[in-house]
Amino acid sequence: MNRALFSFAGQFQRAGGARPRAPMFGSALSIVLLAILLMPGPGLVSRARAETRHAVMAPRAPRSLLLDAAAVGGRICAVGERGHVLLSDDSGQTWRQVRVPTRANLTGVTFQGSKLGWAVGHDAVILRTLDGGESWEKVYADPDGDRPLLDVWFGDPKNGFALGAYGLCLRTVDGGRRWHPMRVSPDDWHLHQMARSAEGRLYIAAEAGQIYRSDDDGATWTSLPSPYDGSFFGVMPLDGEALMVFGLRGHVFYSVDAGLHWQLVPTGTVATLADGIRLSDGRFLLAGLAGTVLVSRSLQDAFKPVPGPGRLGIWAVLETEKPGLVCFGERGATPLPLPK
């Protein structure tokens, strides 16, 4: 994805060492994520049930909960609840729903070029498109495993990762034909978002303040020193070895040495931050619960609030060609002018 993120902004923490059965969205719309039971076996193409139920084609799908989006050339592809996949060819002004072979909530989407793309979600479902989102096929699912996938990332058309709840991480090296489970760490923290820096390092933002880094294209992972014990929902690699992480209760930190040391960035909010992008003019923009939209001109500057979509929770945000913004979350997609 061009940004990452994380597609659910749950405000939960583990208590007393107990495993929570159902992480919740912290907004007026609450979606229960499934709890962990089984890890998929190595190299399985799919554990999907024999029958395939397609998402219902609904007139009001464009106003349903949308959890992630990706820019595909001049097109936007958005995914969300009940298997909804929506396309827009006019910078988010109008939308049309396409037929998809799942009714699971979709939480992440990414593209390689203008045609090849993947979407992931609950039931550990992984979908692939070869025509820019017009049609989709199911390439993996584990509906009995009870672990939702939360993000998907590909470095090239062959090599990619799908990651999610309770440490679930699946890797493919053959363009999604087979998916192999791997461990990022000995723990089972939720893995929220993956991104790669210009230097080639891979990062994962995770639950309970966990931040992971790989210097070998994801073969091995190191847990980085963390500045905070609350969950991070997004990681944004910047220039050189710099990167930013953000998440629970408005916490934002940046590092200039690939995550070895961190500095707090003031935000003036306690709203959970679910997604972030770097605007074409170089500014940083973060968005999250309660319609929170924040902008900063540099890593050293505090974030300042700018007008958002009212109190509607935001799970993803894109800059459009107009220029402008589109926020995705409660009640679908909301176009906004670019902050001044």
Protein backbone atom coordinates (compact mmCIF):
# COMPACT_ATOMS: atom_id res chain seq x y z
CA MET A 1 0.00 0.00 0.00
CA ASN A 2 1.11 3.52 -0.54
CA ARG A 3 0.64 4.06 3.14
CA ALA A 4 -0.12 1.57 5.37
CA LEU A 5 -1.84 1.23 7.72
CA PHE A 6 -3.51 -0.07 9.73
CA SER A 7 -7.09 -0.56 9.05
CA PHE A 8 -8.49 -1.12 12.48
CA ALA A 9 -7.99 1.43 15.20
CA GLY A 10 -8.95 -0.69 18.18
CA GLN A 11 -8.36 0.83 21.58
CA PHE A 12 -7.71 -2.29 23.62
CA GLN A 13 -4.81 -3.49 25.71
CA ARG A 14 -4.13 -6.88 27.24
CA ALA A 15 -4.93 -7.02 30.91
CA GLY A 16 -3.45 -9.36 33.48
CA GLY A 17 -1.82 -11.46 30.80
CA ALA A 18 -5.18 -12.65 29.48
CA ARG A 19 -5.74 -12.87 25.76
CA PRO A 20 -8.67 -10.65 24.69
CA ARG A 21 -11.21 -12.57 22.66
CA ALA A 22 -12.53 -9.65 20.63
CA PRO A 23 -10.59 -6.44 19.86
CA MET A 24 -13.06 -3.63 19.23
CA PHE A 25 -13.16 -0.60 16.98
CA GLY A 26 -13.18 2.55 19.08
CA SER A 27 -16.03 4.32 17.30
CA ALA A 28 -19.80 4.34 16.92
CA LEU A 29 -19.40 1.33 14.64
CA SER A 30 -17.91 -1.64 16.55
CA ILE A 31 -16.62 -4.63 14.59
CA VAL A 32 -15.49 -7.70 16.51
CA LEU A 33 -12.24 -9.23 15.27
CA LEU A 34 -12.02 -13.00 15.65
CA ALA A 35 -9.74 -14.61 18.27
CA ILE A 36 -6.76 -16.83 17.58
CA LEU A 37 -7.14 -20.63 17.45
CA LEU A 38 -5.02 -22.19 14.69
CA MET A 39 -1.98 -21.36 12.58
CA PRO A 40 -2.26 -22.31 8.88
CA GLY A 41 -0.05 -25.26 7.87
CA PRO A 42 3.09 -24.57 5.82
CA GLY A 43 2.67 -23.99 2.14
CA LEU A 44 -1.11 -24.34 2.08
CA VAL A 45 -2.72 -22.80 -0.97
CA SER A 46 -6.01 -22.40 0.90
CA ARG A 47 -8.08 -23.67 3.79
CA ALA A 48 -11.23 -22.05 2.48
CA ARG A 49 -14.48 -23.92 2.79
CA ALA A 50 -15.67 -25.52 -0.42
CA GLU A 51 -18.47 -23.05 -0.95
CA THR A 52 -17.78 -19.43 -1.87
CA ARG A 53 -20.18 -16.70 -0.82
CA HIS A 54 -19.82 -13.46 -2.73
CA ALA A 55 -20.25 -10.06 -1.16
CA VAL A 56 -23.79 -8.73 -1.55
CA MET A 57 -24.04 -6.03 -4.20
CA ALA A 58 -25.58 -3.25 -2.13
CA PRO A 59 -26.70 0.19 -3.35
CA ARG A 60 -25.49 1.73 -0.09
CA ALA A 61 -22.08 0.00 -0.13
CA PRO A 62 -20.29 3.33 -0.85
CA ARG A 63 -21.57 4.59 2.54
CA SER A 64 -20.52 1.49 4.48
CA LEU A 65 -17.47 1.23 6.75
CA LEU A 66 -14.29 1.38 4.63
CA LEU A 67 -11.04 0.27 6.24
CA ASP A 68 -8.30 0.79 3.67
CA ALA A 69 -7.66 2.19 0.20
CA ALA A 70 -4.93 2.29 -2.43
CA ALA A 71 -4.25 4.59 -5.37
CA VAL A 72 -3.93 2.69 -8.66
CA GLY A 73 -2.85 5.18 -11.30
CA GLY A 74 -5.86 7.46 -11.70
CA ARG A 75 -8.10 5.01 -9.82
CA ILE A 76 -8.80 4.47 -6.11
CA CYS A 77 -9.63 1.02 -4.78
CA ALA A 78 -11.24 0.92 -1.30
CA VAL A 79 -12.11 -2.11 0.85
CA GLY A 80 -14.24 -2.57 3.94
CA GLU A 81 -16.92 -4.40 5.82
CA ARG A 82 -18.81 -7.44 4.45
CA GLY A 83 -16.33 -7.92 1.62
CA HIS A 84 -17.10 -4.58 -0.01
CA VAL A 85 -14.64 -3.47 -2.71
CA LEU A 86 -15.29 -0.10 -4.32
CA LEU A 87 -13.62 1.67 -7.24
CA SER A 88 -13.49 5.37 -8.08
CA ASP A 89 -12.11 6.90 -11.27
CA ASP A 90 -12.79 10.52 -10.32
CA SER A 91 -10.67 11.07 -7.18
CA GLY A 92 -13.30 9.71 -4.81
CA GLN A 93 -16.28 11.75 -5.98
CA THR A 94 -18.29 8.70 -7.12
CA TRP A 95 -17.94 4.98 -6.44
CA ARG A 96 -19.04 1.65 -7.87
CA GLN A 97 -19.01 -1.73 -6.15
CA VAL A 98 -17.41 -4.77 -7.81
CA ARG A 99 -18.13 -8.47 -7.31
CA VAL A 100 -15.87 -10.15 -4.72
CA PRO A 101 -15.75 -13.84 -3.61
CA THR A 102 -16.01 -13.22 0.16
CA ARG A 103 -18.27 -11.65 2.76
CA ALA A 104 -15.47 -11.28 5.30
CA ASN A 105 -14.51 -7.77 6.43
CA LEU A 106 -11.60 -6.59 4.29
CA THR A 107 -8.95 -4.63 6.18
CA GLY A 108 -6.03 -4.03 3.80
CA VAL A 109 -5.32 -3.52 0.10
CA THR A 110 -2.18 -2.94 -1.97
CA PHE A 111 -1.17 -2.85 -5.64
CA GLN A 112 1.92 -3.56 -7.72
CA GLY A 113 1.50 -1.43 -10.82
CA SER A 114 -1.90 -0.56 -12.24
CA LYS A 115 -3.32 -4.09 -12.61
CA LEU A 116 -1.95 -6.48 -9.99
CA GLY A 117 -3.31 -6.11 -6.46
CA TRP A 118 -4.17 -7.93 -3.24
CA ALA A 119 -6.70 -7.46 -0.44
CA VAL A 120 -6.83 -9.18 2.97
CA GLY A 121 -9.24 -9.44 5.86
CA HIS A 122 -11.09 -11.60 8.36
CA ASP A 123 -11.13 -15.39 7.88
CA ALA A 124 -7.44 -14.82 6.95
CA VAL A 125 -8.77 -14.26 3.44
CA ILE A 126 -6.38 -13.11 0.70
CA LEU A 127 -7.79 -11.90 -2.62
CA ARG A 128 -5.93 -11.10 -5.84
CA THR A 129 -6.86 -8.95 -8.82
CA LEU A 130 -5.15 -8.96 -12.22
CA ASP A 131 -7.19 -6.17 -13.82
CA GLY A 132 -6.93 -3.17 -11.52
CA GLY A 133 -9.68 -4.25 -9.13
CA GLU A 134 -12.41 -5.02 -11.65
CA SER A 135 -12.48 -8.71 -10.67
CA TRP A 136 -11.04 -10.70 -7.75
CA GLU A 137 -10.11 -14.30 -6.96
CA LYS A 138 -9.60 -15.89 -3.56
CA VAL A 139 -6.05 -17.28 -3.29
CA TYR A 140 -6.01 -18.11 0.43
CA ALA A 141 -8.38 -18.35 3.39
CA ASP A 142 -8.48 -20.01 6.80
CA PRO A 143 -12.00 -19.40 8.15
CA ASP A 144 -11.51 -21.96 10.94
CA GLY A 145 -8.31 -20.35 12.24
CA ASP A 146 -10.13 -17.33 13.70
CA ARG A 147 -7.30 -14.88 13.05
CA PRO A 148 -8.01 -11.83 10.86
CA LEU A 149 -5.35 -10.43 8.57
CA LEU A 150 -4.86 -6.69 9.02
CA ASP A 151 -2.34 -5.61 6.38
CA VAL A 152 -0.76 -6.79 3.14
CA TRP A 153 2.53 -5.63 1.60
CA PHE A 154 4.39 -6.62 -1.57
CA GLY A 155 7.91 -5.60 -2.56
CA ASP A 156 7.46 -6.85 -6.13
CA PRO A 157 4.89 -8.99 -7.97
CA LYS A 158 6.30 -12.22 -6.48
CA ASN A 159 7.32 -11.42 -2.90
CA GLY A 160 4.84 -10.32 -0.28
CA PHE A 161 3.54 -10.59 3.28
CA ALA A 162 0.11 -10.70 4.89
CA LEU A 163 0.05 -10.03 8.63
CA GLY A 164 -2.51 -9.78 11.37
CA ALA A 165 -3.82 -10.73 14.80
CA TYR A 166 -1.91 -12.74 17.40
CA GLY A 167 1.36 -12.81 15.49
CA LEU A 168 -0.08 -14.20 12.27
CA CYS A 169 2.31 -13.59 9.36
CA LEU A 170 2.09 -15.29 5.97
CA ARG A 171 4.73 -14.98 3.25
CA THR A 172 4.64 -15.72 -0.47
CA VAL A 173 7.53 -15.88 -2.92
CA ASP A 174 5.50 -16.97 -5.94
CA GLY A 175 3.01 -14.18 -6.41
CA GLY A 176 0.44 -15.50 -3.97
CA ARG A 177 0.10 -19.06 -5.28
CA ARG A 178 1.33 -20.41 -1.94
CA TRP A 179 1.49 -18.75 1.49
CA HIS A 180 3.85 -19.98 4.20
CA PRO A 181 3.48 -19.03 7.90
CA MET A 182 6.48 -17.45 9.61
CA ARG A 183 7.22 -15.98 13.03
CA VAL A 184 8.16 -12.34 13.38
CA SER A 185 8.80 -12.76 17.12
CA PRO A 186 8.33 -15.42 19.83
CA ASP A 187 5.33 -13.44 21.12
CA ASP A 188 1.86 -13.26 19.61
CA TRP A 189 1.32 -9.50 19.53
CA HIS A 190 -1.04 -8.23 16.84
CA LEU A 191 0.91 -7.11 13.76
CA HIS A 192 -0.77 -3.99 12.40
CA GLN A 193 1.19 -2.57 9.49
CA MET A 194 4.29 -3.17 7.35
CA ALA A 195 6.28 -0.64 5.32
CA ARG A 196 9.69 -0.43 3.64
CA SER A 197 12.18 2.42 3.77
CA ALA A 198 14.09 3.85 0.85
CA GLU A 199 17.14 2.11 2.33
CA GLY A 200 15.43 -1.27 1.95
CA ARG A 201 14.63 -1.97 5.60
CA LEU A 202 11.22 -3.45 6.46
CA TYR A 203 9.30 -2.27 9.53
CA ILE A 204 6.20 -3.57 11.33
CA ALA A 205 4.11 -1.51 13.76
CA ALA A 206 2.50 -3.77 16.34
CA GLU A 207 0.54 -4.10 19.55
CA ALA A 208 1.84 -3.10 23.00
CA GLY A 209 4.51 -0.75 21.70
CA GLN A 210 6.24 -3.40 19.61
CA ILE A 211 8.23 -2.27 16.55
CA TYR A 212 10.02 -4.82 14.39
CA ARG A 213 12.71 -4.33 11.73
CA SER A 214 14.15 -6.60 9.08
CA ASP A 215 17.37 -5.86 7.22
CA ASP A 216 17.16 -8.96 4.98
CA ASP A 217 13.85 -8.58 3.12
CA GLY A 218 11.81 -10.18 5.88
CA ALA A 219 13.82 -13.38 6.40
CA THR A 220 14.58 -12.41 10.02
CA TRP A 221 13.19 -9.75 12.34
CA THR A 222 14.54 -7.74 15.27
CA SER A 223 12.46 -6.13 18.02
CA LEU A 224 13.46 -2.46 18.29
CA PRO A 225 13.68 -0.41 21.50
CA SER A 226 10.23 1.07 22.04
CA PRO A 227 9.41 4.53 23.41
CA TYR A 228 5.87 3.56 24.47
CA ASP A 229 3.98 0.51 25.74
CA GLY A 230 0.73 1.31 23.94
CA SER A 231 -0.12 -0.07 20.52
CA PHE A 232 1.26 1.39 17.30
CA PHE A 233 -1.07 1.18 14.30
CA GLY A 234 1.17 2.72 11.65
CA VAL A 235 4.79 3.15 10.62
CA MET A 236 5.99 5.66 8.05
CA PRO A 237 9.58 5.37 6.75
CA LEU A 238 10.93 8.77 5.74
CA ASP A 239 14.16 10.03 4.18
CA GLY A 240 17.33 8.03 4.84
CA GLU A 241 17.12 6.15 8.14
CA ALA A 242 14.32 8.31 9.55
CA LEU A 243 10.88 6.91 10.37
CA MET A 244 7.72 7.75 12.29
CA VAL A 245 5.39 5.53 14.31
CA PHE A 246 1.94 6.46 15.59
CA GLY A 247 -1.02 4.90 17.34
CA LEU A 248 -2.92 4.75 20.61
CA ARG A 249 -4.01 7.95 22.38
CA GLY A 250 -2.42 10.28 19.85
CA HIS A 251 1.14 9.11 20.44
CA VAL A 252 3.66 9.89 17.68
CA PHE A 253 7.42 9.28 17.78
CA TYR A 254 10.18 9.68 15.23
CA SER A 255 13.66 8.21 14.86
CA VAL A 256 16.57 9.30 12.69
CA ASP A 257 18.63 6.12 13.18
CA ALA A 258 16.37 3.31 11.90
CA GLY A 259 14.48 2.94 15.17
CA LEU A 260 17.29 2.72 17.71
CA HIS A 261 16.38 6.01 19.45
CA TRP A 262 13.09 7.92 19.53
CA GLN A 263 11.75 11.43 20.07
CA LEU A 264 8.17 12.30 21.04
CA VAL A 265 6.23 14.54 18.64
CA PRO A 266 3.48 16.60 20.34
CA THR A 267 0.01 16.15 18.82
CA GLY A 268 -2.36 17.79 21.29
CA THR A 269 -4.82 14.89 21.02
CA VAL A 270 -5.60 11.61 22.75
CA ALA A 271 -7.46 10.23 19.72
CA THR A 272 -6.07 7.00 18.31
CA LEU A 273 -4.19 7.61 15.05
CA ALA A 274 -4.81 4.93 12.42
CA ASP A 275 -3.12 6.13 9.22
CA GLY A 276 -0.55 8.58 7.93
CA ILE A 277 0.84 9.85 4.64
CA ARG A 278 3.44 12.31 3.43
CA LEU A 279 1.82 14.95 1.25
CA SER A 280 3.26 15.97 -2.11
CA ASP A 281 4.44 19.27 -0.58
CA GLY A 282 6.49 17.40 2.04
CA ARG A 283 4.17 17.84 5.01
CA PHE A 284 3.12 14.93 7.23
CA LEU A 285 -0.58 14.13 7.70
CA LEU A 286 -2.05 11.74 10.28
CA ALA A 287 -5.69 10.73 10.75
CA GLY A 288 -7.74 8.63 13.15
CA LEU A 289 -10.70 8.40 15.48
CA ALA A 290 -13.31 11.12 15.99
CA GLY A 291 -12.46 12.64 12.60
CA THR A 292 -8.98 13.64 13.75
CA VAL A 293 -6.73 15.07 11.01
CA LEU A 294 -3.30 16.47 11.97
CA VAL A 295 -0.59 18.13 9.88
CA SER A 296 3.08 18.89 10.59
CA ARG A 297 5.71 20.56 8.39
CA SER A 298 8.70 18.68 9.82
CA LEU A 299 9.69 15.98 12.28
CA GLN A 300 10.67 18.63 14.80
CA ASP A 301 7.33 20.49 14.64
CA ALA A 302 4.23 19.65 16.67
CA PHE A 303 1.22 18.38 14.75
CA LYS A 304 -1.65 20.83 14.35
CA PRO A 305 -5.34 19.94 13.85
CA VAL A 306 -7.02 20.75 10.53
CA PRO A 307 -10.68 20.32 9.51
CA GLY A 308 -11.75 16.72 9.01
CA PRO A 309 -14.98 14.82 8.25
CA GLY A 310 -16.77 15.86 11.44
CA ARG A 311 -16.69 13.19 14.13
CA LEU A 312 -16.47 10.27 11.72
CA GLY A 313 -13.67 7.81 12.49
CA ILE A 314 -10.95 7.61 9.83
CA TRP A 315 -9.06 4.38 9.13
CA ALA A 316 -7.23 5.42 5.94
CA VAL A 317 -6.43 8.57 3.98
CA LEU A 318 -5.13 9.28 0.46
CA GLU A 319 -3.96 12.37 -1.36
CA THR A 320 -5.76 12.72 -4.69
CA GLU A 321 -4.67 14.29 -7.97
CA LYS A 322 -6.98 17.31 -7.76
CA PRO A 323 -5.11 17.92 -5.35
CA GLY A 324 -7.09 17.05 -2.24
CA LEU A 325 -7.73 14.30 0.27
CA VAL A 326 -10.09 11.37 0.61
CA CYS A 327 -10.72 9.98 4.11
CA PHE A 328 -12.02 6.42 4.49
CA GLY A 329 -13.92 5.13 7.50
CA GLU A 330 -17.40 5.47 8.91
CA ARG A 331 -19.96 6.22 6.20
CA GLY A 332 -17.56 5.42 3.41
CA ALA A 333 -15.27 7.87 1.62
CA THR A 334 -15.24 11.61 2.35
CA PRO A 335 -13.40 13.98 -0.04
CA LEU A 336 -11.74 16.96 1.66
CA PRO A 337 -9.73 19.93 0.37
CA LEU A 338 -5.99 19.74 0.90
CA PRO A 339 -5.10 21.45 4.21
CA LYS A 340 -3.52 24.88 3.85
